Amino acid sequence: MEFIDEIFVGESIQDLGTIIYSLRRRIPVFQIHCICLFDEPQKRFEILSTRELFSPKNRNRTYMIAGIAGGKAEAEDLFLYMVETALKAGKDITNPLELIS
């Protein structure tokens, strides 16, 4: 697991340091959802709760955390914000890496 340099953070997140500390140690955090870019044959984003993220199904997948939000709805809004920001900057949003650079 990696984090992008300038991670996107939802409005309800109050203690980002503690959340990142827990995530690095693979400790699920209640009501926290992450926007993850998975490095698979086709790069794609997924919004997962931290419990889902650390499940056996996802344990061996390579991914980068691009955003942290308090709940799924906030994560969806945060992802839309990421896309809008990339569009305003004139980036190619068909390339997932453009959303996080």
N, C-alpha and C. Protein backbone atom coordinates (compact mmCIF):
# COMPACT_ATOMS: atom_id res chain seq x y z
N MET A 1 0.84 -1.17 0.00
CA MET A 1 0.00 0.00 0.00
C MET A 1 0.89 1.23 0.00
N GLU A 2 0.51 2.17 -0.83
CA GLU A 2 1.19 3.45 -0.88
C GLU A 2 0.13 4.55 -0.80
N PHE A 3 0.58 5.75 -0.53
CA PHE A 3 -0.30 6.93 -0.52
C PHE A 3 0.25 7.91 -1.54
N ILE A 4 -0.66 8.61 -2.26
CA ILE A 4 -0.17 9.65 -3.16
C ILE A 4 0.38 10.79 -2.31
N ASP A 5 1.21 11.63 -2.92
CA ASP A 5 1.85 12.71 -2.17
C ASP A 5 0.85 13.69 -1.56
N GLU A 6 -0.09 14.14 -2.35
CA GLU A 6 -1.09 15.09 -1.84
C GLU A 6 -2.45 14.40 -1.84
N ILE A 7 -2.69 13.65 -0.78
CA ILE A 7 -3.90 12.83 -0.68
C ILE A 7 -5.14 13.72 -0.54
N PHE A 8 -6.22 13.29 -1.18
CA PHE A 8 -7.49 14.00 -1.08
C PHE A 8 -8.17 13.55 0.22
N VAL A 9 -8.70 14.51 0.96
CA VAL A 9 -9.27 14.22 2.28
C VAL A 9 -10.69 14.78 2.36
N GLY A 10 -11.62 13.96 2.82
CA GLY A 10 -13.00 14.38 2.99
C GLY A 10 -13.15 15.37 4.13
N GLU A 11 -14.23 16.14 4.09
CA GLU A 11 -14.47 17.19 5.08
C GLU A 11 -14.65 16.66 6.50
N SER A 12 -15.15 15.45 6.65
CA SER A 12 -15.42 14.92 7.99
C SER A 12 -14.18 14.33 8.66
N ILE A 13 -13.10 14.22 7.95
CA ILE A 13 -11.87 13.64 8.52
C ILE A 13 -11.22 14.66 9.44
N GLN A 14 -11.04 14.27 10.71
CA GLN A 14 -10.48 15.20 11.68
C GLN A 14 -9.06 14.85 12.09
N ASP A 15 -8.72 13.58 12.13
CA ASP A 15 -7.38 13.19 12.58
C ASP A 15 -6.72 12.31 11.51
N LEU A 16 -6.28 12.94 10.44
CA LEU A 16 -5.70 12.23 9.31
C LEU A 16 -4.47 11.43 9.72
N GLY A 17 -3.66 11.97 10.59
CA GLY A 17 -2.44 11.28 11.02
C GLY A 17 -2.73 9.93 11.66
N THR A 18 -3.73 9.89 12.53
CA THR A 18 -4.10 8.64 13.19
C THR A 18 -4.66 7.63 12.18
N ILE A 19 -5.44 8.12 11.23
CA ILE A 19 -6.02 7.24 10.22
C ILE A 19 -4.91 6.64 9.36
N ILE A 20 -3.98 7.46 8.91
CA ILE A 20 -2.88 6.95 8.09
C ILE A 20 -2.02 5.98 8.90
N TYR A 21 -1.78 6.29 10.16
CA TYR A 21 -1.03 5.40 11.05
C TYR A 21 -1.71 4.02 11.09
N SER A 22 -3.02 4.01 11.28
CA SER A 22 -3.77 2.75 11.34
C SER A 22 -3.74 2.01 10.01
N LEU A 23 -3.92 2.73 8.92
CA LEU A 23 -3.92 2.09 7.61
C LEU A 23 -2.57 1.46 7.30
N ARG A 24 -1.49 2.14 7.61
CA ARG A 24 -0.15 1.58 7.37
C ARG A 24 0.06 0.28 8.14
N ARG A 25 -0.62 0.12 9.25
CA ARG A 25 -0.50 -1.09 10.07
C ARG A 25 -1.63 -2.08 9.79
N ARG A 26 -2.40 -1.78 8.74
CA ARG A 26 -3.49 -2.63 8.28
C ARG A 26 -4.56 -2.83 9.36
N ILE A 27 -4.86 -1.76 10.06
CA ILE A 27 -5.90 -1.77 11.08
C ILE A 27 -7.13 -1.06 10.50
N PRO A 28 -8.26 -1.76 10.35
CA PRO A 28 -9.46 -1.10 9.83
C PRO A 28 -9.92 0.02 10.75
N VAL A 29 -10.41 1.09 10.15
CA VAL A 29 -10.92 2.24 10.90
C VAL A 29 -12.42 2.36 10.59
N PHE A 30 -13.23 2.36 11.63
CA PHE A 30 -14.68 2.40 11.48
C PHE A 30 -15.13 3.61 10.67
N GLN A 31 -16.02 3.38 9.71
CA GLN A 31 -16.64 4.41 8.87
C GLN A 31 -15.67 5.16 7.96
N ILE A 32 -14.48 4.63 7.73
CA ILE A 32 -13.54 5.29 6.82
C ILE A 32 -13.52 4.51 5.51
N HIS A 33 -13.65 5.24 4.42
CA HIS A 33 -13.58 4.66 3.08
C HIS A 33 -12.40 5.28 2.34
N CYS A 34 -11.74 4.47 1.55
CA CYS A 34 -10.58 4.92 0.80
C CYS A 34 -10.86 4.86 -0.70
N ILE A 35 -10.32 5.83 -1.41
CA ILE A 35 -10.36 5.82 -2.86
C ILE A 35 -9.01 5.27 -3.28
N CYS A 36 -9.03 4.09 -3.88
CA CYS A 36 -7.80 3.38 -4.19
C CYS A 36 -7.63 3.22 -5.69
N LEU A 37 -6.41 3.39 -6.15
CA LEU A 37 -6.06 3.12 -7.54
C LEU A 37 -5.32 1.80 -7.55
N PHE A 38 -5.95 0.78 -8.11
CA PHE A 38 -5.36 -0.55 -8.15
C PHE A 38 -4.48 -0.69 -9.38
N ASP A 39 -3.32 -1.27 -9.19
CA ASP A 39 -2.34 -1.46 -10.25
C ASP A 39 -2.49 -2.87 -10.80
N GLU A 40 -3.44 -3.03 -11.66
CA GLU A 40 -3.72 -4.31 -12.28
C GLU A 40 -3.57 -4.12 -13.78
N PRO A 41 -3.84 -5.14 -14.58
CA PRO A 41 -3.68 -4.93 -16.03
C PRO A 41 -4.36 -3.66 -16.52
N GLN A 42 -5.53 -3.37 -15.98
CA GLN A 42 -6.20 -2.12 -16.32
C GLN A 42 -6.31 -1.31 -15.03
N LYS A 43 -5.59 -0.19 -14.96
CA LYS A 43 -5.63 0.63 -13.75
C LYS A 43 -7.05 1.17 -13.57
N ARG A 44 -7.53 1.06 -12.32
CA ARG A 44 -8.88 1.57 -12.05
C ARG A 44 -9.01 1.94 -10.59
N PHE A 45 -9.95 2.84 -10.35
CA PHE A 45 -10.24 3.27 -8.98
C PHE A 45 -11.35 2.41 -8.40
N GLU A 46 -11.27 2.21 -7.08
CA GLU A 46 -12.35 1.57 -6.34
C GLU A 46 -12.49 2.30 -5.02
N ILE A 47 -13.72 2.40 -4.54
CA ILE A 47 -13.99 2.96 -3.22
C ILE A 47 -14.30 1.79 -2.30
N LEU A 48 -13.46 1.65 -1.28
CA LEU A 48 -13.60 0.52 -0.36
C LEU A 48 -13.54 0.99 1.08
N SER A 49 -14.31 0.32 1.94
CA SER A 49 -14.16 0.58 3.36
C SER A 49 -12.81 -0.01 3.78
N THR A 50 -12.29 0.43 4.90
CA THR A 50 -11.00 -0.10 5.33
C THR A 50 -11.12 -1.59 5.67
N ARG A 51 -12.28 -2.00 6.10
CA ARG A 51 -12.49 -3.43 6.38
C ARG A 51 -12.39 -4.24 5.09
N GLU A 52 -13.02 -3.75 4.00
CA GLU A 52 -12.92 -4.42 2.70
C GLU A 52 -11.49 -4.39 2.17
N LEU A 53 -10.84 -3.28 2.39
CA LEU A 53 -9.48 -3.09 1.88
C LEU A 53 -8.52 -4.13 2.46
N PHE A 54 -8.72 -4.48 3.72
CA PHE A 54 -7.82 -5.42 4.37
C PHE A 54 -8.35 -6.85 4.39
N SER A 55 -9.40 -7.11 3.64
CA SER A 55 -9.95 -8.46 3.58
C SER A 55 -8.99 -9.38 2.81
N PRO A 56 -9.11 -10.68 3.00
CA PRO A 56 -8.22 -11.61 2.28
C PRO A 56 -8.29 -11.44 0.76
N LYS A 57 -9.45 -11.06 0.25
CA LYS A 57 -9.62 -10.88 -1.20
C LYS A 57 -8.68 -9.80 -1.76
N ASN A 58 -8.44 -8.74 -0.97
CA ASN A 58 -7.63 -7.61 -1.44
C ASN A 58 -6.22 -7.60 -0.87
N ARG A 59 -5.90 -8.55 -0.03
CA ARG A 59 -4.63 -8.55 0.69
C ARG A 59 -3.40 -8.47 -0.21
N ASN A 60 -3.42 -9.20 -1.32
CA ASN A 60 -2.23 -9.27 -2.18
C ASN A 60 -2.30 -8.35 -3.40
N ARG A 61 -3.29 -7.50 -3.44
CA ARG A 61 -3.41 -6.56 -4.56
C ARG A 61 -2.53 -5.34 -4.30
N THR A 62 -1.94 -4.79 -5.36
CA THR A 62 -1.11 -3.60 -5.26
C THR A 62 -1.98 -2.39 -5.55
N TYR A 63 -1.92 -1.41 -4.65
CA TYR A 63 -2.76 -0.22 -4.83
C TYR A 63 -2.14 0.99 -4.17
N MET A 64 -2.68 2.15 -4.57
CA MET A 64 -2.29 3.44 -4.03
C MET A 64 -3.54 4.09 -3.47
N ILE A 65 -3.46 4.64 -2.27
CA ILE A 65 -4.61 5.35 -1.70
C ILE A 65 -4.52 6.81 -2.15
N ALA A 66 -5.58 7.25 -2.83
CA ALA A 66 -5.63 8.60 -3.36
C ALA A 66 -6.54 9.51 -2.53
N GLY A 67 -7.45 8.91 -1.77
CA GLY A 67 -8.38 9.71 -0.98
C GLY A 67 -8.88 8.96 0.23
N ILE A 68 -9.20 9.72 1.27
CA ILE A 68 -9.74 9.16 2.51
C ILE A 68 -10.96 9.98 2.89
N ALA A 69 -12.07 9.27 3.16
CA ALA A 69 -13.32 9.96 3.47
C ALA A 69 -14.05 9.26 4.60
N GLY A 70 -14.95 9.99 5.21
CA GLY A 70 -15.77 9.45 6.30
C GLY A 70 -17.08 8.93 5.76
N GLY A 71 -17.10 7.73 5.28
CA GLY A 71 -18.31 7.13 4.74
C GLY A 71 -18.27 7.03 3.23
N LYS A 72 -19.11 6.16 2.70
CA LYS A 72 -19.12 5.91 1.26
C LYS A 72 -19.64 7.12 0.47
N ALA A 73 -20.69 7.75 0.95
CA ALA A 73 -21.24 8.91 0.23
C ALA A 73 -20.20 10.03 0.13
N GLU A 74 -19.48 10.28 1.22
CA GLU A 74 -18.43 11.30 1.17
C GLU A 74 -17.30 10.89 0.24
N ALA A 75 -16.99 9.60 0.19
CA ALA A 75 -15.94 9.12 -0.72
C ALA A 75 -16.36 9.31 -2.18
N GLU A 76 -17.64 9.07 -2.46
CA GLU A 76 -18.14 9.30 -3.82
C GLU A 76 -18.05 10.78 -4.19
N ASP A 77 -18.43 11.65 -3.27
CA ASP A 77 -18.33 13.10 -3.51
C ASP A 77 -16.87 13.52 -3.70
N LEU A 78 -15.99 12.94 -2.90
CA LEU A 78 -14.57 13.26 -3.00
C LEU A 78 -14.01 12.81 -4.34
N PHE A 79 -14.44 11.65 -4.82
CA PHE A 79 -13.98 11.18 -6.13
C PHE A 79 -14.48 12.12 -7.24
N LEU A 80 -15.71 12.57 -7.13
CA LEU A 80 -16.23 13.54 -8.12
C LEU A 80 -15.42 14.83 -8.08
N TYR A 81 -15.04 15.25 -6.89
CA TYR A 81 -14.19 16.44 -6.76
C TYR A 81 -12.85 16.21 -7.45
N MET A 82 -12.28 15.02 -7.31
CA MET A 82 -11.01 14.69 -7.96
C MET A 82 -11.14 14.81 -9.48
N VAL A 83 -12.24 14.29 -10.01
CA VAL A 83 -12.47 14.34 -11.46
C VAL A 83 -12.68 15.79 -11.92
N GLU A 84 -13.48 16.55 -11.18
CA GLU A 84 -13.72 17.95 -11.54
C GLU A 84 -12.43 18.76 -11.51
N THR A 85 -11.59 18.53 -10.51
CA THR A 85 -10.32 19.24 -10.39
C THR A 85 -9.42 18.91 -11.58
N ALA A 86 -9.39 17.65 -11.97
CA ALA A 86 -8.57 17.23 -13.11
C ALA A 86 -9.09 17.85 -14.41
N LEU A 87 -10.41 17.90 -14.56
CA LEU A 87 -11.00 18.51 -15.76
C LEU A 87 -10.66 19.99 -15.85
N LYS A 88 -10.78 20.70 -14.73
CA LYS A 88 -10.46 22.13 -14.72
C LYS A 88 -9.00 22.39 -15.05
N ALA A 89 -8.14 21.44 -14.69
CA ALA A 89 -6.70 21.59 -14.97
C ALA A 89 -6.36 21.12 -16.38
N GLY A 90 -7.37 20.66 -17.13
CA GLY A 90 -7.14 20.24 -18.51
C GLY A 90 -6.46 18.88 -18.64
N LYS A 91 -6.61 18.04 -17.62
CA LYS A 91 -5.97 16.72 -17.66
C LYS A 91 -6.86 15.72 -18.38
N ASP A 92 -6.23 14.65 -18.85
CA ASP A 92 -6.93 13.56 -19.54
C ASP A 92 -7.51 12.62 -18.48
N ILE A 93 -8.81 12.72 -18.24
CA ILE A 93 -9.40 11.92 -17.17
C ILE A 93 -9.61 10.47 -17.56
N THR A 94 -9.35 10.11 -18.81
CA THR A 94 -9.43 8.70 -19.19
C THR A 94 -8.20 7.94 -18.69
N ASN A 95 -7.18 8.66 -18.27
CA ASN A 95 -5.99 8.06 -17.69
C ASN A 95 -6.05 8.25 -16.18
N PRO A 96 -6.28 7.18 -15.42
CA PRO A 96 -6.42 7.32 -13.96
C PRO A 96 -5.25 8.03 -13.28
N LEU A 97 -4.06 7.89 -13.80
CA LEU A 97 -2.91 8.52 -13.19
C LEU A 97 -2.98 10.04 -13.29
N GLU A 98 -3.71 10.55 -14.27
CA GLU A 98 -3.87 12.01 -14.42
C GLU A 98 -4.70 12.60 -13.28
N LEU A 99 -5.58 11.80 -12.69
CA LEU A 99 -6.43 12.30 -11.61
C LEU A 99 -5.63 12.55 -10.33
N ILE A 100 -4.53 11.86 -10.17
CA ILE A 100 -3.79 11.96 -8.91
C ILE A 100 -2.46 12.68 -9.05
N SER A 101 -2.16 13.18 -10.22
CA SER A 101 -0.88 13.88 -10.39
C SER A 101 -1.05 15.37 -10.34
